[in-house]
Amino acid sequence: MNLSLATSHLERVVILAPAIVIGAGLVLGVLILLGRAFADSIREFGHPRLLIAGGVALVGIVVVLTWLGVSLPKE
C-alpha cells in the first residue's frame, strides 16, 4: 500500500470522526425521545393490548405480503 494513500485515508477518518460521533449521538437522542413518547402514548391509550395487537397484525401482514412477493406499484 502506498504510504501517501494510507496517510490520506487516516486523515479523512480523523477529520470525519467528530461528525460521525455527533451524528450518531443526534440519531440516538431522537430515537430515545420518540421511544419515550411512544411509551407514554401506549400508557395513556385506553386499551394498550388492542394497540399492540394492531401493531403485531400490521407486521404480520407486511411479512406475509413480502413472502408472497407482492410489491408496490411504481409511478
PDB file of N, CA and C in Angstrom:
ATOM      1  N   MET A   1       0.848  -1.176   0.000  1.00  0.00           N
ATOM      2  CA  MET A   1       0.000   0.000   0.000  1.00  0.00           C
ATOM      3  C   MET A   1       0.891   1.236   0.000  1.00  0.00           C
ATOM      4  N   ASN A   2       0.505   2.176  -0.767  1.00  0.00           N
ATOM      5  CA  ASN A   2       1.246   3.423  -0.880  1.00  0.00           C
ATOM      6  C   ASN A   2       1.112   4.218   0.425  1.00  0.00           C
ATOM      7  N   LEU A   3       2.206   4.760   0.912  1.00  0.00           N
ATOM      8  CA  LEU A   3       2.201   5.485   2.181  1.00  0.00           C
ATOM      9  C   LEU A   3       1.318   6.728   2.123  1.00  0.00           C
ATOM     10  N   SER A   4       1.342   7.446   0.991  1.00  0.00           N
ATOM     11  CA  SER A   4       0.522   8.654   0.895  1.00  0.00           C
ATOM     12  C   SER A   4      -0.960   8.311   0.870  1.00  0.00           C
ATOM     13  N   LEU A   5      -1.317   7.151   0.289  1.00  0.00           N
ATOM     14  CA  LEU A   5      -2.716   6.732   0.262  1.00  0.00           C
ATOM     15  C   LEU A   5      -3.198   6.395   1.670  1.00  0.00           C
ATOM     16  N   ALA A   6      -2.362   5.693   2.430  1.00  0.00           N
ATOM     17  CA  ALA A   6      -2.716   5.347   3.808  1.00  0.00           C
ATOM     18  C   ALA A   6      -2.829   6.604   4.669  1.00  0.00           C
ATOM     19  N   THR A   7      -1.949   7.561   4.445  1.00  0.00           N
ATOM     20  CA  THR A   7      -1.989   8.796   5.213  1.00  0.00           C
ATOM     21  C   THR A   7      -3.245   9.597   4.895  1.00  0.00           C
ATOM     22  N   SER A   8      -3.632   9.674   3.619  1.00  0.00           N
ATOM     23  CA  SER A   8      -4.827  10.438   3.269  1.00  0.00           C
ATOM     24  C   SER A   8      -6.079   9.756   3.814  1.00  0.00           C
ATOM     25  N   HIS A   9      -6.082   8.418   3.823  1.00  0.00           N
ATOM     26  CA  HIS A   9      -7.234   7.696   4.392  1.00  0.00           C
ATOM     27  C   HIS A   9      -7.324   7.957   5.895  1.00  0.00           C
ATOM     28  N   LEU A  10      -6.193   7.916   6.587  1.00  0.00           N
ATOM     29  CA  LEU A  10      -6.173   8.176   8.023  1.00  0.00           C
ATOM     30  C   LEU A  10      -6.598   9.610   8.321  1.00  0.00           C
ATOM     31  N   GLU A  11      -6.159  10.550   7.507  1.00  0.00           N
ATOM     32  CA  GLU A  11      -6.561  11.942   7.704  1.00  0.00           C
ATOM     33  C   GLU A  11      -8.064  12.109   7.522  1.00  0.00           C
ATOM     34  N   ARG A  12      -8.616  11.421   6.536  1.00  0.00           N
ATOM     35  CA  ARG A  12     -10.050  11.510   6.291  1.00  0.00           C
ATOM     36  C   ARG A  12     -10.832  10.960   7.481  1.00  0.00           C
ATOM     37  N   VAL A  13     -10.378   9.838   8.036  1.00  0.00           N
ATOM     38  CA  VAL A  13     -11.048   9.250   9.199  1.00  0.00           C
ATOM     39  C   VAL A  13     -10.966  10.176  10.402  1.00  0.00           C
ATOM     40  N   VAL A  14      -9.801  10.770  10.615  1.00  0.00           N
ATOM     41  CA  VAL A  14      -9.620  11.684  11.756  1.00  0.00           C
ATOM     42  C   VAL A  14     -10.495  12.921  11.594  1.00  0.00           C
ATOM     43  N   ILE A  15     -10.622  13.412  10.385  1.00  0.00           N
ATOM     44  CA  ILE A  15     -11.428  14.608  10.153  1.00  0.00           C
ATOM     45  C   ILE A  15     -12.918  14.300  10.301  1.00  0.00           C
ATOM     46  N   LEU A  16     -13.354  13.137   9.832  1.00  0.00           N
ATOM     47  CA  LEU A  16     -14.776  12.803   9.870  1.00  0.00           C
ATOM     48  C   LEU A  16     -15.245  12.222  11.208  1.00  0.00           C
ATOM     49  N   ALA A  17     -14.329  11.791  12.056  1.00  0.00           N
ATOM     50  CA  ALA A  17     -14.712  11.158  13.320  1.00  0.00           C
ATOM     51  C   ALA A  17     -15.637  12.022  14.178  1.00  0.00           C
ATOM     52  N   PRO A  18     -15.338  13.291  14.404  1.00  0.00           N
ATOM     53  CA  PRO A  18     -16.269  14.091  15.233  1.00  0.00           C
ATOM     54  C   PRO A  18     -17.665  14.206  14.610  1.00  0.00           C
ATOM     55  N   ALA A  19     -17.732  14.340  13.298  1.00  0.00           N
ATOM     56  CA  ALA A  19     -19.044  14.445  12.646  1.00  0.00           C
ATOM     57  C   ALA A  19     -19.820  13.146  12.800  1.00  0.00           C
ATOM     58  N   ILE A  20     -19.134  12.015  12.694  1.00  0.00           N
ATOM     59  CA  ILE A  20     -19.802  10.720  12.845  1.00  0.00           C
ATOM     60  C   ILE A  20     -20.308  10.540  14.269  1.00  0.00           C
ATOM     61  N   VAL A  21     -19.494  10.906  15.242  1.00  0.00           N
ATOM     62  CA  VAL A  21     -19.895  10.777  16.648  1.00  0.00           C
ATOM     63  C   VAL A  21     -21.072  11.695  16.959  1.00  0.00           C
ATOM     64  N   ILE A  22     -21.027  12.934  16.501  1.00  0.00           N
ATOM     65  CA  ILE A  22     -22.126  13.870  16.749  1.00  0.00           C
ATOM     66  C   ILE A  22     -23.395  13.410  16.036  1.00  0.00           C
ATOM     67  N   GLY A  23     -23.266  12.963  14.801  1.00  0.00           N
ATOM     68  CA  GLY A  23     -24.428  12.469  14.060  1.00  0.00           C
ATOM     69  C   GLY A  23     -25.056  11.262  14.724  1.00  0.00           C
ATOM     70  N   ALA A  24     -24.231  10.317  15.169  1.00  0.00           N
ATOM     71  CA  ALA A  24     -24.753   9.131  15.851  1.00  0.00           C
ATOM     72  C   ALA A  24     -25.443   9.522  17.158  1.00  0.00           C
ATOM     73  N   GLY A  25     -24.871  10.485  17.873  1.00  0.00           N
ATOM     74  CA  GLY A  25     -25.497  10.958  19.111  1.00  0.00           C
ATOM     75  C   GLY A  25     -26.847  11.612  18.863  1.00  0.00           C
ATOM     76  N   LEU A  26     -26.935  12.398  17.801  1.00  0.00           N
ATOM     77  CA  LEU A  26     -28.216  13.033  17.461  1.00  0.00           C
ATOM     78  C   LEU A  26     -29.271  11.995  17.101  1.00  0.00           C
ATOM     79  N   VAL A  27     -28.888  11.015  16.285  1.00  0.00           N
ATOM     80  CA  VAL A  27     -29.837   9.968  15.904  1.00  0.00           C
ATOM     81  C   VAL A  27     -30.286   9.191  17.134  1.00  0.00           C
ATOM     82  N   LEU A  28     -29.361   8.827  18.004  1.00  0.00           N
ATOM     83  CA  LEU A  28     -29.706   8.093  19.215  1.00  0.00           C
ATOM     84  C   LEU A  28     -30.622   8.924  20.118  1.00  0.00           C
ATOM     85  N   GLY A  29     -30.337  10.210  20.242  1.00  0.00           N
ATOM     86  CA  GLY A  29     -31.185  11.080  21.054  1.00  0.00           C
ATOM     87  C   GLY A  29     -32.605  11.180  20.524  1.00  0.00           C
ATOM     88  N   VAL A  30     -32.749  11.290  19.212  1.00  0.00           N
ATOM     89  CA  VAL A  30     -34.083  11.352  18.612  1.00  0.00           C
ATOM     90  C   VAL A  30     -34.820  10.034  18.820  1.00  0.00           C
ATOM     91  N   LEU A  31     -34.117   8.911  18.660  1.00  0.00           N
ATOM     92  CA  LEU A  31     -34.757   7.605  18.863  1.00  0.00           C
ATOM     93  C   LEU A  31     -35.212   7.426  20.310  1.00  0.00           C
ATOM     94  N   ILE A  32     -34.408   7.886  21.267  1.00  0.00           N
ATOM     95  CA  ILE A  32     -34.801   7.805  22.676  1.00  0.00           C
ATOM     96  C   ILE A  32     -36.022   8.675  22.931  1.00  0.00           C
ATOM     97  N   LEU A  33     -36.021   9.887  22.393  1.00  0.00           N
ATOM     98  CA  LEU A  33     -37.154  10.797  22.575  1.00  0.00           C
ATOM     99  C   LEU A  33     -38.437  10.216  21.979  1.00  0.00           C
ATOM    100  N   LEU A  34     -38.345   9.669  20.762  1.00  0.00           N
ATOM    101  CA  LEU A  34     -39.521   9.077  20.137  1.00  0.00           C
ATOM    102  C   LEU A  34     -39.980   7.820  20.868  1.00  0.00           C
ATOM    103  N   GLY A  35     -39.049   7.047  21.385  1.00  0.00           N
ATOM    104  CA  GLY A  35     -39.406   5.851  22.153  1.00  0.00           C
ATOM    105  C   GLY A  35     -40.156   6.209  23.421  1.00  0.00           C
ATOM    106  N   ARG A  36     -39.691   7.246  24.111  1.00  0.00           N
ATOM    107  CA  ARG A  36     -40.393   7.677  25.329  1.00  0.00           C
ATOM    108  C   ARG A  36     -41.794   8.207  25.008  1.00  0.00           C
ATOM    109  N   ALA A  37     -41.911   8.969  23.930  1.00  0.00           N
ATOM    110  CA  ALA A  37     -43.227   9.491  23.538  1.00  0.00           C
ATOM    111  C   ALA A  37     -44.165   8.349  23.174  1.00  0.00           C
ATOM    112  N   PHE A  38     -43.637   7.327  22.475  1.00  0.00           N
ATOM    113  CA  PHE A  38     -44.457   6.175  22.114  1.00  0.00           C
ATOM    114  C   PHE A  38     -44.899   5.410  23.364  1.00  0.00           C
ATOM    115  N   ALA A  39     -43.993   5.247  24.326  1.00  0.00           N
ATOM    116  CA  ALA A  39     -44.340   4.553  25.572  1.00  0.00           C
ATOM    117  C   ALA A  39     -45.414   5.329  26.342  1.00  0.00           C
ATOM    118  N   ASP A  40     -45.317   6.655  26.387  1.00  0.00           N
ATOM    119  CA  ASP A  40     -46.343   7.456  27.050  1.00  0.00           C
ATOM    120  C   ASP A  40     -47.686   7.337  26.335  1.00  0.00           C
ATOM    121  N   SER A  41     -47.665   7.292  25.010  1.00  0.00           N
ATOM    122  CA  SER A  41     -48.898   7.151  24.253  1.00  0.00           C
ATOM    123  C   SER A  41     -49.564   5.816  24.538  1.00  0.00           C
ATOM    124  N   ILE A  42     -48.776   4.768  24.653  1.00  0.00           N
ATOM    125  CA  ILE A  42     -49.349   3.448  24.956  1.00  0.00           C
ATOM    126  C   ILE A  42     -49.937   3.439  26.360  1.00  0.00           C
ATOM    127  N   ARG A  43     -49.240   4.067  27.319  1.00  0.00           N
ATOM    128  CA  ARG A  43     -49.753   4.110  28.696  1.00  0.00           C
ATOM    129  C   ARG A  43     -51.071   4.877  28.786  1.00  0.00           C
ATOM    130  N   GLU A  44     -51.204   5.965  28.015  1.00  0.00           N
ATOM    131  CA  GLU A  44     -52.404   6.800  28.086  1.00  0.00           C
ATOM    132  C   GLU A  44     -53.547   6.234  27.257  1.00  0.00           C
ATOM    133  N   PHE A  45     -53.268   5.326  26.335  1.00  0.00           N
ATOM    134  CA  PHE A  45     -54.300   4.743  25.488  1.00  0.00           C
ATOM    135  C   PHE A  45     -55.189   3.855  26.351  1.00  0.00           C
ATOM    136  N   GLY A  46     -56.484   3.883  26.104  1.00  0.00           N
ATOM    137  CA  GLY A  46     -57.434   3.134  26.919  1.00  0.00           C
ATOM    138  C   GLY A  46     -57.246   1.627  26.847  1.00  0.00           C
ATOM    139  N   HIS A  47     -56.876   1.104  25.708  1.00  0.00           N
ATOM    140  CA  HIS A  47     -56.731  -0.334  25.522  1.00  0.00           C
ATOM    141  C   HIS A  47     -55.367  -0.637  24.907  1.00  0.00           C
ATOM    142  N   PRO A  48     -54.326  -0.705  25.737  1.00  0.00           N
ATOM    143  CA  PRO A  48     -52.984  -0.911  25.182  1.00  0.00           C
ATOM    144  C   PRO A  48     -52.822  -2.263  24.483  1.00  0.00           C
ATOM    145  N   ARG A  49     -53.552  -3.273  24.929  1.00  0.00           N
ATOM    146  CA  ARG A  49     -53.464  -4.585  24.263  1.00  0.00           C
ATOM    147  C   ARG A  49     -53.973  -4.506  22.831  1.00  0.00           C
ATOM    148  N   LEU A  50     -55.018  -3.706  22.617  1.00  0.00           N
ATOM    149  CA  LEU A  50     -55.549  -3.527  21.274  1.00  0.00           C
ATOM    150  C   LEU A  50     -54.519  -2.845  20.376  1.00  0.00           C
ATOM    151  N   LEU A  51     -53.825  -1.872  20.910  1.00  0.00           N
ATOM    152  CA  LEU A  51     -52.781  -1.167  20.149  1.00  0.00           C
ATOM    153  C   LEU A  51     -51.634  -2.112  19.792  1.00  0.00           C
ATOM    154  N   ILE A  52     -51.203  -2.913  20.744  1.00  0.00           N
ATOM    155  CA  ILE A  52     -50.115  -3.861  20.494  1.00  0.00           C
ATOM    156  C   ILE A  52     -50.567  -4.937  19.511  1.00  0.00           C
ATOM    157  N   ALA A  53     -51.803  -5.415  19.646  1.00  0.00           N
ATOM    158  CA  ALA A  53     -52.321  -6.416  18.705  1.00  0.00           C
ATOM    159  C   ALA A  53     -52.389  -5.847  17.289  1.00  0.00           C
ATOM    160  N   GLY A  54     -52.767  -4.596  17.162  1.00  0.00           N
ATOM    161  CA  GLY A  54     -52.796  -3.956  15.849  1.00  0.00           C
ATOM    162  C   GLY A  54     -51.408  -3.850  15.242  1.00  0.00           C
ATOM    163  N   GLY A  55     -50.413  -3.518  16.052  1.00  0.00           N
ATOM    164  CA  GLY A  55     -49.033  -3.450  15.569  1.00  0.00           C
ATOM    165  C   GLY A  55     -48.523  -4.811  15.131  1.00  0.00           C
ATOM    166  N   VAL A  56     -48.829  -5.845  15.916  1.00  0.00           N
ATOM    167  CA  VAL A  56     -48.419  -7.207  15.549  1.00  0.00           C
ATOM    168  C   VAL A  56     -49.118  -7.642  14.267  1.00  0.00           C
ATOM    169  N   ALA A  57     -50.396  -7.309  14.129  1.00  0.00           N
ATOM    170  CA  ALA A  57     -51.131  -7.659  12.910  1.00  0.00           C
ATOM    171  C   ALA A  57     -50.542  -6.935  11.697  1.00  0.00           C
ATOM    172  N   LEU A  58     -50.185  -5.683  11.850  1.00  0.00           N
ATOM    173  CA  LEU A  58     -49.582  -4.933  10.746  1.00  0.00           C
ATOM    174  C   LEU A  58     -48.250  -5.546  10.317  1.00  0.00           C
ATOM    175  N   VAL A  59     -47.409  -5.900  11.288  1.00  0.00           N
ATOM    176  CA  VAL A  59     -46.134  -6.550  10.968  1.00  0.00           C
ATOM    177  C   VAL A  59     -46.385  -7.893  10.293  1.00  0.00           C
ATOM    178  N   GLY A  60     -47.380  -8.643  10.772  1.00  0.00           N
ATOM    179  CA  GLY A  60     -47.715  -9.930  10.161  1.00  0.00           C
ATOM    180  C   GLY A  60     -48.169  -9.778   8.720  1.00  0.00           C
ATOM    181  N   ILE A  61     -48.979  -8.771   8.449  1.00  0.00           N
ATOM    182  CA  ILE A  61     -49.448  -8.533   7.075  1.00  0.00           C
ATOM    183  C   ILE A  61     -48.280  -8.183   6.171  1.00  0.00           C
ATOM    184  N   VAL A  62     -47.378  -7.339   6.643  1.00  0.00           N
ATOM    185  CA  VAL A  62     -46.206  -6.969   5.837  1.00  0.00           C
ATOM    186  C   VAL A  62     -45.341  -8.193   5.558  1.00  0.00           C
ATOM    187  N   VAL A  63     -45.152  -9.047   6.558  1.00  0.00           N
ATOM    188  CA  VAL A  63     -44.338 -10.255   6.365  1.00  0.00           C
ATOM    189  C   VAL A  63     -44.993 -11.188   5.357  1.00  0.00           C
ATOM    190  N   VAL A  64     -46.287 -11.404   5.473  1.00  0.00           N
ATOM    191  CA  VAL A  64     -46.985 -12.311   4.549  1.00  0.00           C
ATOM    192  C   VAL A  64     -46.966 -11.756   3.135  1.00  0.00           C
ATOM    193  N   LEU A  65     -47.228 -10.476   2.969  1.00  0.00           N
ATOM    194  CA  LEU A  65     -47.214  -9.890   1.629  1.00  0.00           C
ATOM    195  C   LEU A  65     -45.812  -9.922   1.016  1.00  0.00           C
ATOM    196  N   THR A  66     -44.797  -9.730   1.840  1.00  0.00           N
ATOM    197  CA  THR A  66     -43.430  -9.824   1.343  1.00  0.00           C
ATOM    198  C   THR A  66     -43.111 -11.256   0.938  1.00  0.00           C
ATOM    199  N   TRP A  67     -43.537 -12.207   1.736  1.00  0.00           N
ATOM    200  CA  TRP A  67     -43.308 -13.624   1.432  1.00  0.00           C
ATOM    201  C   TRP A  67     -44.022 -14.030   0.147  1.00  0.00           C
ATOM    202  N   LEU A  68     -45.197 -13.469  -0.099  1.00  0.00           N
ATOM    203  CA  LEU A  68     -45.944 -13.775  -1.332  1.00  0.00           C
ATOM    204  C   LEU A  68     -45.370 -13.051  -2.545  1.00  0.00           C
ATOM    205  N   GLY A  69     -44.505 -12.095  -2.333  1.00  0.00           N
ATOM    206  CA  GLY A  69     -43.865 -11.396  -3.436  1.00  0.00           C
ATOM    207  C   GLY A  69     -44.654 -10.197  -3.938  1.00  0.00           C
ATOM    208  N   VAL A  70     -45.559  -9.696  -3.158  1.00  0.00           N
ATOM    209  CA  VAL A  70     -46.345  -8.522  -3.549  1.00  0.00           C
ATOM    210  C   VAL A  70     -45.452  -7.290  -3.455  1.00  0.00           C
ATOM    211  N   SER A  71     -45.452  -6.472  -4.480  1.00  0.00           N
ATOM    212  CA  SER A  71     -44.662  -5.254  -4.459  1.00  0.00           C
ATOM    213  C   SER A  71     -45.559  -4.060  -4.788  1.00  0.00           C
ATOM    214  N   LEU A  72     -45.197  -2.918  -4.261  1.00  0.00           N
ATOM    215  CA  LEU A  72     -45.977  -1.712  -4.521  1.00  0.00           C
ATOM    216  C   LEU A  72     -45.725  -1.236  -5.945  1.00  0.00           C
ATOM    217  N   PRO A  73     -46.760  -0.691  -6.594  1.00  0.00           N
ATOM    218  CA  PRO A  73     -46.547  -0.192  -7.954  1.00  0.00           C
ATOM    219  C   PRO A  73     -45.670   1.054  -7.949  1.00  0.00           C
ATOM    220  N   LYS A  74     -44.867   1.189  -8.970  1.00  0.00           N
ATOM    221  CA  LYS A  74     -44.021   2.376  -9.097  1.00  0.00           C
ATOM    222  C   LYS A  74     -44.746   3.393  -9.955  1.00  0.00           C
ATOM    223  N   GLU A  75     -44.359   4.627  -9.848  1.00  0.00           N
ATOM    224  CA  GLU A  75     -45.051   5.704 -10.549  1.00  0.00           C
ATOM    225  C   GLU A  75     -45.198   5.421 -11.981  1.00  0.00           C
TER     226      GLU A  75
END
